[in-house]
Amino acid sequence: MSGAVTVDELVVEFALVRLDHPGLDLEEIAAMVVRRFGPEQALEFASRNLAARDELRGGAFETAVEYVLRTVLTLRDDPGDL
């Protein structure tokens, strides 16, 4: 994929991966999503996480996975937050 990924696209991709791999936990699904989008988008996700949290809590890949997971869980719990 090229260009910035929207939150809607991210959620759809997460849902599709979850349907394909129902036995995985949410963090493993988020990691698969980050891998599918590729290294450039992983850096974008990591930078979004940095902007939201004002800190990095690991490497770029781990931070990107955290962003994906936090985004999906936030939307699940309160869609008005994003």
N, C-alpha and C. Protein backbone atom coordinates (compact mmCIF):
# COMPACT_ATOMS: atom_id res chain seq x y z
N MET A 1 0.84 -1.19 0.00
CA MET A 1 0.00 0.00 0.00
C MET A 1 0.87 1.24 0.00
N SER A 2 0.41 2.25 -0.66
CA SER A 2 1.17 3.49 -0.67
C SER A 2 0.32 4.61 -0.09
N GLY A 3 0.98 5.65 0.42
CA GLY A 3 0.27 6.76 1.03
C GLY A 3 -0.08 6.47 2.47
N ALA A 4 -0.58 7.49 3.11
CA ALA A 4 -0.94 7.36 4.53
C ALA A 4 -2.18 6.48 4.67
N VAL A 5 -2.15 5.64 5.66
CA VAL A 5 -3.27 4.75 5.95
C VAL A 5 -4.21 5.46 6.92
N THR A 6 -5.48 5.48 6.59
CA THR A 6 -6.47 6.10 7.48
C THR A 6 -6.80 5.13 8.61
N VAL A 7 -7.41 5.67 9.64
CA VAL A 7 -7.84 4.83 10.76
C VAL A 7 -8.85 3.80 10.28
N ASP A 8 -9.74 4.20 9.38
CA ASP A 8 -10.73 3.26 8.85
C ASP A 8 -10.05 2.10 8.11
N GLU A 9 -9.05 2.41 7.29
CA GLU A 9 -8.33 1.37 6.57
C GLU A 9 -7.60 0.44 7.55
N LEU A 10 -7.06 1.02 8.58
CA LEU A 10 -6.36 0.25 9.60
C LEU A 10 -7.30 -0.72 10.30
N VAL A 11 -8.47 -0.26 10.66
CA VAL A 11 -9.45 -1.09 11.35
C VAL A 11 -9.95 -2.21 10.44
N VAL A 12 -10.18 -1.89 9.18
CA VAL A 12 -10.62 -2.93 8.23
C VAL A 12 -9.54 -4.00 8.09
N GLU A 13 -8.28 -3.58 7.92
CA GLU A 13 -7.19 -4.55 7.80
C GLU A 13 -7.08 -5.40 9.05
N PHE A 14 -7.21 -4.78 10.22
CA PHE A 14 -7.16 -5.52 11.48
C PHE A 14 -8.27 -6.57 11.52
N ALA A 15 -9.48 -6.17 11.13
CA ALA A 15 -10.61 -7.10 11.14
C ALA A 15 -10.38 -8.26 10.18
N LEU A 16 -9.84 -7.98 9.01
CA LEU A 16 -9.58 -9.04 8.04
C LEU A 16 -8.53 -10.02 8.54
N VAL A 17 -7.47 -9.50 9.14
CA VAL A 17 -6.44 -10.39 9.69
C VAL A 17 -7.02 -11.22 10.82
N ARG A 18 -7.84 -10.61 11.62
CA ARG A 18 -8.45 -11.35 12.75
C ARG A 18 -9.36 -12.47 12.25
N LEU A 19 -10.09 -12.20 11.17
CA LEU A 19 -10.93 -13.25 10.58
C LEU A 19 -10.09 -14.40 10.03
N ASP A 20 -8.95 -14.05 9.42
CA ASP A 20 -8.07 -15.08 8.85
C ASP A 20 -7.32 -15.88 9.90
N HIS A 21 -7.12 -15.28 11.09
CA HIS A 21 -6.32 -15.91 12.15
C HIS A 21 -7.03 -15.79 13.50
N PRO A 22 -8.16 -16.48 13.67
CA PRO A 22 -8.95 -16.30 14.88
C PRO A 22 -8.26 -16.76 16.17
N GLY A 23 -7.25 -17.59 16.08
CA GLY A 23 -6.59 -18.10 17.28
C GLY A 23 -5.51 -17.18 17.83
N LEU A 24 -5.16 -16.13 17.11
CA LEU A 24 -4.11 -15.23 17.57
C LEU A 24 -4.64 -14.21 18.57
N ASP A 25 -3.77 -13.77 19.48
CA ASP A 25 -4.20 -12.71 20.38
C ASP A 25 -4.10 -11.37 19.65
N LEU A 26 -4.66 -10.34 20.24
CA LEU A 26 -4.77 -9.04 19.57
C LEU A 26 -3.42 -8.43 19.24
N GLU A 27 -2.43 -8.62 20.10
CA GLU A 27 -1.10 -8.06 19.82
C GLU A 27 -0.46 -8.76 18.62
N GLU A 28 -0.65 -10.06 18.50
CA GLU A 28 -0.12 -10.79 17.35
C GLU A 28 -0.80 -10.34 16.06
N ILE A 29 -2.09 -10.07 16.13
CA ILE A 29 -2.82 -9.57 14.97
C ILE A 29 -2.30 -8.19 14.58
N ALA A 30 -2.09 -7.33 15.57
CA ALA A 30 -1.55 -5.99 15.30
C ALA A 30 -0.18 -6.08 14.64
N ALA A 31 0.66 -7.01 15.08
CA ALA A 31 1.98 -7.19 14.48
C ALA A 31 1.86 -7.64 13.02
N MET A 32 0.92 -8.52 12.74
CA MET A 32 0.71 -8.96 11.36
C MET A 32 0.24 -7.80 10.48
N VAL A 33 -0.61 -6.96 11.03
CA VAL A 33 -1.10 -5.79 10.29
C VAL A 33 0.07 -4.86 9.95
N VAL A 34 0.92 -4.59 10.92
CA VAL A 34 2.07 -3.73 10.68
C VAL A 34 2.96 -4.34 9.59
N ARG A 35 3.21 -5.63 9.66
CA ARG A 35 4.03 -6.29 8.64
C ARG A 35 3.39 -6.19 7.26
N ARG A 36 2.09 -6.34 7.18
CA ARG A 36 1.39 -6.27 5.89
C ARG A 36 1.51 -4.88 5.26
N PHE A 37 1.47 -3.86 6.09
CA PHE A 37 1.56 -2.50 5.55
C PHE A 37 2.98 -2.13 5.15
N GLY A 38 3.98 -2.79 5.70
CA GLY A 38 5.35 -2.56 5.29
C GLY A 38 6.11 -1.57 6.17
N PRO A 39 7.43 -1.47 5.93
CA PRO A 39 8.29 -0.68 6.81
C PRO A 39 8.02 0.83 6.80
N GLU A 40 7.67 1.38 5.65
CA GLU A 40 7.38 2.82 5.62
C GLU A 40 6.15 3.15 6.45
N GLN A 41 5.12 2.34 6.33
CA GLN A 41 3.91 2.59 7.11
C GLN A 41 4.15 2.29 8.58
N ALA A 42 5.01 1.32 8.88
CA ALA A 42 5.36 1.05 10.28
C ALA A 42 5.96 2.30 10.92
N LEU A 43 6.83 2.97 10.18
CA LEU A 43 7.40 4.22 10.71
C LEU A 43 6.33 5.29 10.90
N GLU A 44 5.38 5.33 9.99
CA GLU A 44 4.27 6.29 10.13
C GLU A 44 3.45 5.98 11.38
N PHE A 45 3.14 4.70 11.58
CA PHE A 45 2.39 4.32 12.78
C PHE A 45 3.19 4.65 14.04
N ALA A 46 4.49 4.39 14.02
CA ALA A 46 5.33 4.70 15.18
C ALA A 46 5.34 6.19 15.45
N SER A 47 5.39 7.00 14.39
CA SER A 47 5.38 8.45 14.60
C SER A 47 4.03 8.93 15.12
N ARG A 48 2.94 8.30 14.69
CA ARG A 48 1.61 8.64 15.24
C ARG A 48 1.56 8.31 16.73
N ASN A 49 2.15 7.18 17.09
CA ASN A 49 2.16 6.78 18.49
C ASN A 49 3.00 7.75 19.31
N LEU A 50 4.14 8.16 18.76
CA LEU A 50 4.98 9.14 19.43
C LEU A 50 4.22 10.44 19.63
N ALA A 51 3.49 10.89 18.63
CA ALA A 51 2.72 12.13 18.74
C ALA A 51 1.63 12.01 19.81
N ALA A 52 1.01 10.85 19.90
CA ALA A 52 -0.08 10.67 20.86
C ALA A 52 0.43 10.48 22.29
N ARG A 53 1.56 9.80 22.44
CA ARG A 53 2.05 9.46 23.79
C ARG A 53 3.19 10.34 24.26
N ASP A 54 3.80 11.07 23.31
CA ASP A 54 4.93 11.95 23.61
C ASP A 54 6.14 11.18 24.14
N GLU A 55 6.24 9.89 23.74
CA GLU A 55 7.40 9.08 24.10
C GLU A 55 7.40 7.83 23.24
N LEU A 56 8.60 7.28 23.04
CA LEU A 56 8.73 5.98 22.38
C LEU A 56 8.96 4.95 23.47
N ARG A 57 8.28 3.82 23.35
CA ARG A 57 8.39 2.78 24.37
C ARG A 57 9.01 1.52 23.81
N GLY A 58 9.89 1.67 22.84
CA GLY A 58 10.55 0.52 22.22
C GLY A 58 11.01 0.91 20.84
N GLY A 59 11.34 -0.11 20.05
CA GLY A 59 11.76 0.12 18.68
C GLY A 59 10.59 0.56 17.81
N ALA A 60 10.90 0.94 16.59
CA ALA A 60 9.88 1.44 15.67
C ALA A 60 8.78 0.39 15.42
N PHE A 61 9.17 -0.87 15.21
CA PHE A 61 8.17 -1.90 14.94
C PHE A 61 7.25 -2.10 16.14
N GLU A 62 7.83 -2.23 17.32
CA GLU A 62 7.04 -2.42 18.53
C GLU A 62 6.12 -1.23 18.79
N THR A 63 6.61 -0.03 18.51
CA THR A 63 5.81 1.17 18.71
C THR A 63 4.68 1.22 17.70
N ALA A 64 4.94 0.78 16.46
CA ALA A 64 3.89 0.73 15.45
C ALA A 64 2.81 -0.27 15.85
N VAL A 65 3.22 -1.43 16.37
CA VAL A 65 2.26 -2.44 16.83
C VAL A 65 1.42 -1.85 17.97
N GLU A 66 2.06 -1.15 18.89
CA GLU A 66 1.32 -0.52 19.99
C GLU A 66 0.29 0.46 19.46
N TYR A 67 0.67 1.24 18.45
CA TYR A 67 -0.28 2.21 17.87
C TYR A 67 -1.49 1.49 17.28
N VAL A 68 -1.25 0.44 16.50
CA VAL A 68 -2.35 -0.30 15.88
C VAL A 68 -3.27 -0.86 16.96
N LEU A 69 -2.69 -1.48 17.96
CA LEU A 69 -3.48 -2.08 19.02
C LEU A 69 -4.26 -1.02 19.80
N ARG A 70 -3.60 0.07 20.17
CA ARG A 70 -4.29 1.14 20.91
C ARG A 70 -5.42 1.74 20.09
N THR A 71 -5.21 1.91 18.79
CA THR A 71 -6.23 2.48 17.92
C THR A 71 -7.46 1.59 17.88
N VAL A 72 -7.23 0.31 17.65
CA VAL A 72 -8.35 -0.64 17.55
C VAL A 72 -9.09 -0.74 18.89
N LEU A 73 -8.36 -0.84 19.98
CA LEU A 73 -9.01 -0.95 21.29
C LEU A 73 -9.75 0.33 21.67
N THR A 74 -9.20 1.47 21.31
CA THR A 74 -9.88 2.74 21.59
C THR A 74 -11.18 2.83 20.82
N LEU A 75 -11.15 2.44 19.56
CA LEU A 75 -12.37 2.48 18.76
C LEU A 75 -13.40 1.49 19.26
N ARG A 76 -12.93 0.35 19.72
CA ARG A 76 -13.85 -0.66 20.26
C ARG A 76 -14.53 -0.16 21.52
N ASP A 77 -13.74 0.50 22.38
CA ASP A 77 -14.27 0.96 23.67
C ASP A 77 -15.07 2.27 23.56
N ASP A 78 -14.59 3.20 22.73
CA ASP A 78 -15.27 4.48 22.58
C ASP A 78 -14.94 5.11 21.24
N PRO A 79 -15.75 4.83 20.21
CA PRO A 79 -15.46 5.31 18.86
C PRO A 79 -15.36 6.84 18.76
N GLY A 80 -15.86 7.56 19.70
CA GLY A 80 -15.78 9.02 19.67
C GLY A 80 -14.42 9.56 20.04
N ASP A 81 -13.51 8.71 20.55
CA ASP A 81 -12.19 9.18 20.99
C ASP A 81 -11.24 9.50 19.86
N LEU A 82 -11.45 8.97 18.66
CA LEU A 82 -10.53 9.23 17.54
C LEU A 82 -11.15 10.09 16.49
